Amino acid sequence: MGDGSAIVMFLFAVILTVAIAVASIIERQKHNEILQRIAQRFRGKLMPGAMFTPAEIRLRFQGYPAVFKHMKVGKHSVHTTFTIRWPDDKFRLEIYPQDGFSGFRRLWGMEDIEIGSGEFDRSFFISGNGVVQAREMLTTDVQNAIFQLAQLGVLPAMFGTRVIQVKFSSGLLTII
């Protein structure tokens, strides 16, 4: 390979790197513009991300501080999370869609709590530190809200729901 070919290859690599960097910056700017509109709508504040940390919106929800953000998970997946302080830091309740991992959860010793709602029990794996507390928390209105959130997903429905997780743990309510 001659010097001319090496220079062309080097220039091609530089141009490709610059193009990828510019595309990434433009994508981040578009993402931040969307988050800024969300922040304005809900009277929150956009906290710009850095190279390896996502931007987030800090707001108040029902008087409690909350955080809304997108988190990259793996190479091709992004999770939207909403986290809010929960007054009872000892309360634990986790709600996952029934999926291939449900069997593994049972093998790991997690109990699948049945709350007495056929459709919800078939659609979700429920784990927590009390059956009574889970039933009290998962009222019909709460179940309907979780089903509505699940319908916002972009993946095909599995067992009647799309991917959503609701976790009450360590004084936080997180919806993924």
N, C-alpha and C. Protein backbone atom coordinates (compact mmCIF):
# COMPACT_ATOMS: atom_id res chain seq x y z
N MET A 1 0.85 -1.16 0.00
CA MET A 1 0.00 0.00 0.00
C MET A 1 0.90 1.23 0.00
N GLY A 2 0.64 2.16 -0.92
CA GLY A 2 1.46 3.35 -1.02
C GLY A 2 1.06 4.41 -0.01
N ASP A 3 1.89 5.47 0.04
CA ASP A 3 1.62 6.57 0.96
C ASP A 3 0.29 7.24 0.65
N GLY A 4 -0.06 7.35 -0.62
CA GLY A 4 -1.32 7.98 -1.03
C GLY A 4 -2.52 7.21 -0.49
N SER A 5 -2.45 5.89 -0.55
CA SER A 5 -3.55 5.06 -0.04
C SER A 5 -3.68 5.20 1.47
N ALA A 6 -2.56 5.26 2.17
CA ALA A 6 -2.59 5.39 3.63
C ALA A 6 -3.20 6.74 4.03
N ILE A 7 -2.86 7.79 3.29
CA ILE A 7 -3.41 9.10 3.60
C ILE A 7 -4.92 9.12 3.35
N VAL A 8 -5.36 8.51 2.25
CA VAL A 8 -6.79 8.45 1.94
C VAL A 8 -7.53 7.67 3.03
N MET A 9 -6.97 6.56 3.46
CA MET A 9 -7.60 5.75 4.51
C MET A 9 -7.66 6.55 5.82
N PHE A 10 -6.58 7.24 6.13
CA PHE A 10 -6.54 8.06 7.35
C PHE A 10 -7.60 9.16 7.29
N LEU A 11 -7.68 9.86 6.16
CA LEU A 11 -8.68 10.93 6.00
C LEU A 11 -10.10 10.36 6.08
N PHE A 12 -10.31 9.20 5.49
CA PHE A 12 -11.62 8.56 5.56
C PHE A 12 -11.99 8.25 7.01
N ALA A 13 -11.04 7.73 7.77
CA ALA A 13 -11.29 7.42 9.19
C ALA A 13 -11.59 8.69 9.98
N VAL A 14 -10.86 9.77 9.70
CA VAL A 14 -11.09 11.04 10.40
C VAL A 14 -12.48 11.58 10.06
N ILE A 15 -12.84 11.57 8.78
CA ILE A 15 -14.14 12.06 8.35
C ILE A 15 -15.26 11.23 8.96
N LEU A 16 -15.11 9.92 8.98
CA LEU A 16 -16.11 9.03 9.58
C LEU A 16 -16.26 9.32 11.07
N THR A 17 -15.15 9.49 11.76
CA THR A 17 -15.19 9.79 13.20
C THR A 17 -15.89 11.11 13.46
N VAL A 18 -15.58 12.13 12.68
CA VAL A 18 -16.21 13.45 12.85
C VAL A 18 -17.70 13.35 12.55
N ALA A 19 -18.07 12.62 11.51
CA ALA A 19 -19.49 12.46 11.16
C ALA A 19 -20.26 11.77 12.28
N ILE A 20 -19.69 10.75 12.87
CA ILE A 20 -20.34 10.04 13.97
C ILE A 20 -20.48 10.97 15.17
N ALA A 21 -19.43 11.73 15.46
CA ALA A 21 -19.48 12.66 16.60
C ALA A 21 -20.54 13.73 16.38
N VAL A 22 -20.63 14.29 15.19
CA VAL A 22 -21.64 15.32 14.88
C VAL A 22 -23.04 14.73 14.99
N ALA A 23 -23.24 13.53 14.44
CA ALA A 23 -24.56 12.88 14.53
C ALA A 23 -24.94 12.64 15.98
N SER A 24 -23.99 12.24 16.80
CA SER A 24 -24.25 12.01 18.22
C SER A 24 -24.62 13.31 18.93
N ILE A 25 -23.93 14.38 18.62
CA ILE A 25 -24.23 15.69 19.23
C ILE A 25 -25.63 16.15 18.82
N ILE A 26 -25.97 16.00 17.55
CA ILE A 26 -27.29 16.40 17.06
C ILE A 26 -28.38 15.57 17.74
N GLU A 27 -28.16 14.28 17.87
CA GLU A 27 -29.13 13.41 18.54
C GLU A 27 -29.31 13.80 20.00
N ARG A 28 -28.22 14.10 20.68
CA ARG A 28 -28.29 14.52 22.08
C ARG A 28 -29.04 15.85 22.21
N GLN A 29 -28.81 16.78 21.26
CA GLN A 29 -29.51 18.06 21.29
C GLN A 29 -31.02 17.86 21.09
N LYS A 30 -31.40 17.00 20.15
CA LYS A 30 -32.82 16.71 19.93
C LYS A 30 -33.44 16.10 21.18
N HIS A 31 -32.73 15.18 21.78
CA HIS A 31 -33.20 14.52 23.01
C HIS A 31 -33.38 15.55 24.12
N ASN A 32 -32.41 16.43 24.29
CA ASN A 32 -32.49 17.46 25.33
C ASN A 32 -33.63 18.45 25.06
N GLU A 33 -33.91 18.75 23.77
CA GLU A 33 -35.04 19.63 23.44
C GLU A 33 -36.36 18.98 23.86
N ILE A 34 -36.51 17.69 23.63
CA ILE A 34 -37.72 16.98 24.05
C ILE A 34 -37.83 16.99 25.57
N LEU A 35 -36.72 16.69 26.24
CA LEU A 35 -36.75 16.70 27.70
C LEU A 35 -37.04 18.11 28.24
N GLN A 36 -36.54 19.14 27.58
CA GLN A 36 -36.81 20.51 28.02
C GLN A 36 -38.30 20.82 27.92
N ARG A 37 -38.95 20.36 26.83
CA ARG A 37 -40.40 20.58 26.69
C ARG A 37 -41.16 19.85 27.79
N ILE A 38 -40.72 18.63 28.11
CA ILE A 38 -41.36 17.88 29.20
C ILE A 38 -41.15 18.61 30.52
N ALA A 39 -39.94 19.08 30.75
CA ALA A 39 -39.64 19.80 31.99
C ALA A 39 -40.52 21.04 32.12
N GLN A 40 -40.68 21.80 31.04
CA GLN A 40 -41.52 22.99 31.08
C GLN A 40 -42.97 22.63 31.35
N ARG A 41 -43.44 21.58 30.71
CA ARG A 41 -44.84 21.19 30.87
C ARG A 41 -45.16 20.81 32.32
N PHE A 42 -44.22 20.15 32.98
CA PHE A 42 -44.46 19.69 34.34
C PHE A 42 -43.73 20.53 35.39
N ARG A 43 -43.31 21.73 35.00
CA ARG A 43 -42.65 22.68 35.89
C ARG A 43 -41.42 22.08 36.56
N GLY A 44 -40.68 21.33 35.78
CA GLY A 44 -39.45 20.73 36.30
C GLY A 44 -38.23 21.46 35.78
N LYS A 45 -37.09 20.93 36.11
CA LYS A 45 -35.82 21.52 35.67
C LYS A 45 -35.00 20.44 34.98
N LEU A 46 -34.55 20.74 33.77
CA LEU A 46 -33.70 19.82 33.02
C LEU A 46 -32.28 19.92 33.55
N MET A 47 -31.72 18.80 33.94
CA MET A 47 -30.33 18.71 34.36
C MET A 47 -29.58 18.01 33.22
N PRO A 48 -28.80 18.76 32.43
CA PRO A 48 -28.13 18.16 31.28
C PRO A 48 -27.18 17.04 31.70
N GLY A 49 -27.12 16.03 30.89
CA GLY A 49 -26.21 14.92 31.15
C GLY A 49 -24.80 15.25 30.71
N ALA A 50 -23.91 14.39 31.05
CA ALA A 50 -22.52 14.52 30.62
C ALA A 50 -22.23 13.35 29.67
N MET A 51 -20.98 13.12 29.40
CA MET A 51 -20.59 12.10 28.44
C MET A 51 -21.20 10.73 28.78
N PHE A 52 -21.13 10.32 30.03
CA PHE A 52 -21.59 8.98 30.40
C PHE A 52 -22.77 8.99 31.36
N THR A 53 -23.36 10.15 31.61
CA THR A 53 -24.53 10.23 32.48
C THR A 53 -25.69 10.84 31.71
N PRO A 54 -26.87 10.27 31.86
CA PRO A 54 -28.01 10.77 31.09
C PRO A 54 -28.55 12.09 31.66
N ALA A 55 -29.17 12.86 30.77
CA ALA A 55 -29.88 14.05 31.23
C ALA A 55 -31.09 13.58 32.03
N GLU A 56 -31.54 14.42 32.96
CA GLU A 56 -32.70 14.05 33.74
C GLU A 56 -33.52 15.29 34.04
N ILE A 57 -34.79 15.05 34.34
CA ILE A 57 -35.68 16.14 34.73
C ILE A 57 -35.98 15.97 36.20
N ARG A 58 -35.77 17.02 36.95
CA ARG A 58 -36.13 17.01 38.38
C ARG A 58 -37.38 17.85 38.53
N LEU A 59 -38.37 17.27 39.21
CA LEU A 59 -39.64 17.94 39.37
C LEU A 59 -40.28 17.53 40.69
N ARG A 60 -41.43 18.10 40.96
CA ARG A 60 -42.19 17.72 42.15
C ARG A 60 -43.46 17.06 41.66
N PHE A 61 -43.78 15.94 42.27
CA PHE A 61 -45.00 15.21 41.94
C PHE A 61 -45.76 14.98 43.23
N GLN A 62 -46.94 15.56 43.31
CA GLN A 62 -47.78 15.46 44.52
C GLN A 62 -47.00 15.91 45.76
N GLY A 63 -46.17 16.92 45.58
CA GLY A 63 -45.42 17.48 46.69
C GLY A 63 -44.10 16.78 46.99
N TYR A 64 -43.79 15.70 46.29
CA TYR A 64 -42.55 14.95 46.54
C TYR A 64 -41.56 15.19 45.40
N PRO A 65 -40.26 15.24 45.72
CA PRO A 65 -39.27 15.36 44.64
C PRO A 65 -39.26 14.09 43.79
N ALA A 66 -39.13 14.29 42.47
CA ALA A 66 -39.15 13.16 41.54
C ALA A 66 -38.10 13.38 40.46
N VAL A 67 -37.69 12.29 39.81
CA VAL A 67 -36.70 12.34 38.73
C VAL A 67 -37.24 11.52 37.55
N PHE A 68 -37.17 12.12 36.36
CA PHE A 68 -37.56 11.47 35.11
C PHE A 68 -36.32 11.43 34.24
N LYS A 69 -35.97 10.24 33.72
CA LYS A 69 -34.80 10.16 32.84
C LYS A 69 -34.86 8.94 31.93
N HIS A 70 -34.02 8.98 30.92
CA HIS A 70 -33.83 7.85 30.02
C HIS A 70 -32.47 7.25 30.33
N MET A 71 -32.42 5.93 30.48
CA MET A 71 -31.15 5.26 30.78
C MET A 71 -30.86 4.24 29.70
N LYS A 72 -29.67 4.27 29.16
CA LYS A 72 -29.27 3.28 28.17
C LYS A 72 -28.99 1.97 28.90
N VAL A 73 -29.57 0.90 28.38
CA VAL A 73 -29.39 -0.43 28.96
C VAL A 73 -28.92 -1.34 27.84
N GLY A 74 -27.72 -1.84 27.96
CA GLY A 74 -27.17 -2.66 26.90
C GLY A 74 -26.80 -1.79 25.69
N LYS A 75 -26.64 -2.44 24.55
CA LYS A 75 -26.22 -1.70 23.36
C LYS A 75 -27.36 -0.98 22.66
N HIS A 76 -28.57 -1.57 22.68
CA HIS A 76 -29.63 -1.04 21.83
C HIS A 76 -30.92 -0.72 22.56
N SER A 77 -30.89 -0.66 23.87
CA SER A 77 -32.12 -0.46 24.61
C SER A 77 -32.02 0.77 25.51
N VAL A 78 -33.14 1.47 25.64
CA VAL A 78 -33.22 2.63 26.51
C VAL A 78 -34.44 2.45 27.40
N HIS A 79 -34.28 2.66 28.69
CA HIS A 79 -35.38 2.60 29.63
C HIS A 79 -35.73 4.01 30.08
N THR A 80 -37.00 4.31 30.12
CA THR A 80 -37.48 5.55 30.70
C THR A 80 -37.84 5.25 32.14
N THR A 81 -37.31 6.03 33.07
CA THR A 81 -37.61 5.78 34.49
C THR A 81 -38.19 7.04 35.13
N PHE A 82 -39.08 6.80 36.06
CA PHE A 82 -39.67 7.86 36.88
C PHE A 82 -39.51 7.39 38.31
N THR A 83 -38.82 8.18 39.12
CA THR A 83 -38.55 7.80 40.51
C THR A 83 -39.02 8.91 41.43
N ILE A 84 -39.69 8.50 42.50
CA ILE A 84 -40.22 9.45 43.48
C ILE A 84 -40.00 8.89 44.87
N ARG A 85 -39.79 9.76 45.84
CA ARG A 85 -39.65 9.34 47.23
C ARG A 85 -40.95 8.70 47.68
N TRP A 86 -40.84 7.62 48.43
CA TRP A 86 -41.99 6.95 49.01
C TRP A 86 -41.87 7.03 50.51
N PRO A 87 -42.94 7.41 51.21
CA PRO A 87 -42.82 7.68 52.65
C PRO A 87 -42.45 6.47 53.51
N ASP A 88 -42.77 5.26 53.09
CA ASP A 88 -42.48 4.07 53.89
C ASP A 88 -41.26 3.36 53.32
N ASP A 89 -40.09 3.57 53.94
CA ASP A 89 -38.86 2.98 53.40
C ASP A 89 -38.73 1.48 53.67
N LYS A 90 -39.61 0.91 54.47
CA LYS A 90 -39.56 -0.53 54.72
C LYS A 90 -40.48 -1.32 53.78
N PHE A 91 -41.39 -0.61 53.11
CA PHE A 91 -42.32 -1.26 52.20
C PHE A 91 -41.58 -1.69 50.94
N ARG A 92 -41.77 -2.96 50.55
CA ARG A 92 -41.16 -3.48 49.32
C ARG A 92 -42.23 -4.18 48.50
N LEU A 93 -42.35 -3.76 47.26
CA LEU A 93 -43.29 -4.36 46.32
C LEU A 93 -42.67 -4.22 44.94
N GLU A 94 -42.57 -5.32 44.21
CA GLU A 94 -42.00 -5.31 42.87
C GLU A 94 -42.98 -5.96 41.92
N ILE A 95 -43.23 -5.30 40.79
CA ILE A 95 -44.20 -5.78 39.82
C ILE A 95 -43.50 -5.85 38.47
N TYR A 96 -43.46 -7.06 37.91
CA TYR A 96 -42.81 -7.30 36.61
C TYR A 96 -43.83 -7.96 35.68
N PRO A 97 -43.70 -7.77 34.38
CA PRO A 97 -44.58 -8.52 33.48
C PRO A 97 -44.27 -10.02 33.58
N GLN A 98 -45.29 -10.85 33.44
CA GLN A 98 -45.05 -12.29 33.37
C GLN A 98 -44.28 -12.53 32.08
N ASP A 99 -43.11 -13.13 32.19
CA ASP A 99 -42.27 -13.38 31.03
C ASP A 99 -41.38 -14.59 31.30
N GLY A 100 -40.40 -14.80 30.48
CA GLY A 100 -39.50 -15.93 30.65
C GLY A 100 -38.72 -15.91 31.95
N PHE A 101 -38.54 -14.72 32.53
CA PHE A 101 -37.80 -14.62 33.79
C PHE A 101 -38.65 -14.99 35.01
N SER A 102 -39.96 -15.05 34.84
CA SER A 102 -40.83 -15.34 35.99
C SER A 102 -40.48 -16.68 36.63
N GLY A 103 -40.20 -17.68 35.81
CA GLY A 103 -39.81 -18.99 36.34
C GLY A 103 -38.51 -18.92 37.13
N PHE A 104 -37.56 -18.12 36.63
CA PHE A 104 -36.30 -17.95 37.35
C PHE A 104 -36.51 -17.22 38.67
N ARG A 105 -37.41 -16.25 38.66
CA ARG A 105 -37.69 -15.54 39.91
C ARG A 105 -38.20 -16.51 40.97
N ARG A 106 -39.06 -17.42 40.56
CA ARG A 106 -39.58 -18.43 41.50
C ARG A 106 -38.45 -19.34 41.98
N LEU A 107 -37.56 -19.73 41.08
CA LEU A 107 -36.42 -20.58 41.46
C LEU A 107 -35.51 -19.86 42.45
N TRP A 108 -35.39 -18.55 42.33
CA TRP A 108 -34.55 -17.78 43.24
C TRP A 108 -35.25 -17.51 44.56
N GLY A 109 -36.47 -18.04 44.70
CA GLY A 109 -37.18 -17.92 45.97
C GLY A 109 -38.13 -16.75 46.07
N MET A 110 -38.34 -16.04 44.98
CA MET A 110 -39.30 -14.94 45.01
C MET A 110 -40.71 -15.51 44.94
N GLU A 111 -41.58 -15.01 45.80
CA GLU A 111 -42.97 -15.45 45.80
C GLU A 111 -43.76 -14.61 44.80
N ASP A 112 -44.59 -15.28 43.99
CA ASP A 112 -45.49 -14.58 43.08
C ASP A 112 -46.80 -14.38 43.82
N ILE A 113 -47.00 -13.18 44.33
CA ILE A 113 -48.18 -12.88 45.13
C ILE A 113 -49.40 -12.78 44.22
N GLU A 114 -50.45 -13.46 44.61
CA GLU A 114 -51.73 -13.36 43.90
C GLU A 114 -52.59 -12.36 44.67
N ILE A 115 -53.10 -11.35 43.96
CA ILE A 115 -53.89 -10.32 44.65
C ILE A 115 -55.39 -10.51 44.46
N GLY A 116 -55.78 -11.53 43.70
CA GLY A 116 -57.20 -11.80 43.51
C GLY A 116 -57.81 -11.12 42.30
N SER A 117 -56.99 -10.55 41.45
CA SER A 117 -57.45 -9.95 40.20
C SER A 117 -56.93 -10.81 39.06
N GLY A 118 -57.82 -11.60 38.44
CA GLY A 118 -57.39 -12.57 37.44
C GLY A 118 -56.51 -12.01 36.35
N GLU A 119 -56.94 -10.93 35.71
CA GLU A 119 -56.17 -10.36 34.60
C GLU A 119 -54.82 -9.83 35.08
N PHE A 120 -54.80 -9.13 36.22
CA PHE A 120 -53.55 -8.57 36.73
C PHE A 120 -52.61 -9.69 37.17
N ASP A 121 -53.14 -10.69 37.88
CA ASP A 121 -52.31 -11.81 38.34
C ASP A 121 -51.71 -12.58 37.16
N ARG A 122 -52.48 -12.74 36.07
CA ARG A 122 -51.95 -13.43 34.87
C ARG A 122 -50.90 -12.60 34.16
N SER A 123 -51.04 -11.29 34.22
CA SER A 123 -50.17 -10.40 33.45
C SER A 123 -48.87 -10.03 34.16
N PHE A 124 -48.89 -10.05 35.51
CA PHE A 124 -47.74 -9.56 36.26
C PHE A 124 -47.28 -10.54 37.33
N PHE A 125 -45.97 -10.56 37.54
CA PHE A 125 -45.33 -11.27 38.64
C PHE A 125 -45.19 -10.24 39.75
N ILE A 126 -45.76 -10.53 40.91
CA ILE A 126 -45.79 -9.58 42.03
C ILE A 126 -45.00 -10.17 43.18
N SER A 127 -44.05 -9.43 43.69
CA SER A 127 -43.24 -9.87 44.83
C SER A 127 -43.21 -8.74 45.84
N GLY A 128 -43.17 -9.08 47.11
CA GLY A 128 -43.11 -8.03 48.11
C GLY A 128 -42.92 -8.59 49.50
N ASN A 129 -42.97 -7.71 50.49
CA ASN A 129 -42.77 -8.16 51.85
C ASN A 129 -44.09 -8.34 52.60
N GLY A 130 -45.18 -8.51 51.85
CA GLY A 130 -46.45 -8.81 52.50
C GLY A 130 -47.59 -8.92 51.52
N VAL A 131 -48.34 -10.01 51.61
CA VAL A 131 -49.48 -10.22 50.72
C VAL A 131 -50.56 -9.17 51.00
N VAL A 132 -50.84 -8.93 52.27
CA VAL A 132 -51.88 -7.96 52.63
C VAL A 132 -51.51 -6.58 52.12
N GLN A 133 -50.26 -6.16 52.32
CA GLN A 133 -49.82 -4.85 51.86
C GLN A 133 -49.91 -4.74 50.33
N ALA A 134 -49.54 -5.81 49.64
CA ALA A 134 -49.60 -5.80 48.17
C ALA A 134 -51.05 -5.64 47.71
N ARG A 135 -51.95 -6.38 48.33
CA ARG A 135 -53.36 -6.26 47.96
C ARG A 135 -53.92 -4.88 48.26
N GLU A 136 -53.52 -4.31 49.39
CA GLU A 136 -53.99 -2.97 49.74
C GLU A 136 -53.45 -1.92 48.76
N MET A 137 -52.21 -2.08 48.34
CA MET A 137 -51.58 -1.10 47.44
C MET A 137 -52.15 -1.21 46.03
N LEU A 138 -52.38 -2.44 45.57
CA LEU A 138 -52.77 -2.65 44.18
C LEU A 138 -54.29 -2.62 44.02
N THR A 139 -54.85 -1.47 44.33
CA THR A 139 -56.29 -1.28 44.16
C THR A 139 -56.63 -1.35 42.66
N THR A 140 -57.90 -1.38 42.35
CA THR A 140 -58.33 -1.41 40.95
C THR A 140 -57.79 -0.19 40.20
N ASP A 141 -57.81 0.98 40.82
CA ASP A 141 -57.29 2.18 40.16
C ASP A 141 -55.79 2.06 39.87
N VAL A 142 -55.03 1.53 40.82
CA VAL A 142 -53.59 1.36 40.61
C VAL A 142 -53.34 0.33 39.52
N GLN A 143 -54.08 -0.77 39.53
CA GLN A 143 -53.94 -1.78 38.47
C GLN A 143 -54.22 -1.17 37.10
N ASN A 144 -55.28 -0.38 37.00
CA ASN A 144 -55.62 0.26 35.73
C ASN A 144 -54.52 1.22 35.28
N ALA A 145 -53.93 1.96 36.23
CA ALA A 145 -52.84 2.88 35.88
C ALA A 145 -51.64 2.10 35.35
N ILE A 146 -51.31 0.97 35.97
CA ILE A 146 -50.18 0.16 35.51
C ILE A 146 -50.47 -0.41 34.12
N PHE A 147 -51.71 -0.88 33.90
CA PHE A 147 -52.07 -1.36 32.56
C PHE A 147 -51.96 -0.24 31.53
N GLN A 148 -52.40 0.97 31.87
CA GLN A 148 -52.30 2.09 30.93
C GLN A 148 -50.85 2.43 30.63
N LEU A 149 -50.01 2.44 31.63
CA LEU A 149 -48.58 2.69 31.41
C LEU A 149 -47.96 1.61 30.53
N ALA A 150 -48.37 0.37 30.76
CA ALA A 150 -47.84 -0.75 29.97
C ALA A 150 -48.21 -0.59 28.50
N GLN A 151 -49.36 -0.01 28.21
CA GLN A 151 -49.79 0.15 26.83
C GLN A 151 -49.03 1.24 26.09
N LEU A 152 -48.24 2.06 26.82
CA LEU A 152 -47.45 3.10 26.18
C LEU A 152 -46.18 2.55 25.54
N GLY A 153 -45.83 1.31 25.85
CA GLY A 153 -44.59 0.72 25.33
C GLY A 153 -44.64 0.51 23.83
N VAL A 154 -43.49 0.25 23.25
CA VAL A 154 -43.40 0.07 21.80
C VAL A 154 -43.22 -1.39 21.41
N LEU A 155 -43.03 -2.26 22.37
CA LEU A 155 -42.83 -3.67 22.07
C LEU A 155 -44.16 -4.38 21.95
N PRO A 156 -44.21 -5.49 21.23
CA PRO A 156 -45.46 -6.23 21.14
C PRO A 156 -45.89 -6.73 22.52
N ALA A 157 -47.20 -6.80 22.73
CA ALA A 157 -47.72 -7.24 24.02
C ALA A 157 -47.36 -8.70 24.27
N MET A 158 -46.96 -8.99 25.49
CA MET A 158 -46.70 -10.36 25.93
C MET A 158 -47.57 -10.61 27.14
N PHE A 159 -48.38 -11.63 27.11
CA PHE A 159 -49.26 -11.95 28.22
C PHE A 159 -50.14 -10.76 28.58
N GLY A 160 -50.53 -9.96 27.60
CA GLY A 160 -51.45 -8.86 27.84
C GLY A 160 -50.78 -7.56 28.26
N THR A 161 -49.47 -7.53 28.45
CA THR A 161 -48.80 -6.28 28.84
C THR A 161 -47.54 -6.09 28.02
N ARG A 162 -47.05 -4.89 28.06
CA ARG A 162 -45.74 -4.60 27.50
C ARG A 162 -44.78 -4.46 28.66
N VAL A 163 -43.52 -4.27 28.36
CA VAL A 163 -42.50 -4.24 29.40
C VAL A 163 -42.70 -3.02 30.29
N ILE A 164 -42.93 -3.26 31.56
CA ILE A 164 -43.01 -2.22 32.58
C ILE A 164 -42.62 -2.87 33.89
N GLN A 165 -41.95 -2.13 34.72
CA GLN A 165 -41.63 -2.60 36.06
C GLN A 165 -42.00 -1.49 37.04
N VAL A 166 -42.61 -1.89 38.15
CA VAL A 166 -42.94 -0.94 39.21
C VAL A 166 -42.29 -1.48 40.48
N LYS A 167 -41.49 -0.65 41.13
CA LYS A 167 -40.77 -1.10 42.32
C LYS A 167 -40.91 -0.09 43.44
N PHE A 168 -41.34 -0.57 44.59
CA PHE A 168 -41.31 0.19 45.83
C PHE A 168 -40.19 -0.43 46.64
N SER A 169 -39.12 0.30 46.89
CA SER A 169 -37.99 -0.28 47.59
C SER A 169 -37.13 0.84 48.19
N SER A 170 -36.70 0.66 49.41
CA SER A 170 -35.79 1.59 50.08
C SER A 170 -36.29 3.04 50.06
N GLY A 171 -37.58 3.22 50.21
CA GLY A 171 -38.14 4.56 50.24
C GLY A 171 -38.27 5.23 48.89
N LEU A 172 -38.24 4.46 47.81
CA LEU A 172 -38.41 5.01 46.47
C LEU A 172 -39.46 4.22 45.71
N LEU A 173 -40.25 4.92 44.92
CA LEU A 173 -41.12 4.28 43.94
C LEU A 173 -40.49 4.55 42.59
N THR A 174 -40.14 3.48 41.86
CA THR A 174 -39.54 3.63 40.56
C THR A 174 -40.39 2.90 39.53
N ILE A 175 -40.72 3.59 38.46
CA ILE A 175 -41.46 2.99 37.36
C ILE A 175 -40.51 2.98 36.17
N ILE A 176 -40.32 1.80 35.62
CA ILE A 176 -39.40 1.63 34.48
C ILE A 176 -40.22 1.16 33.30
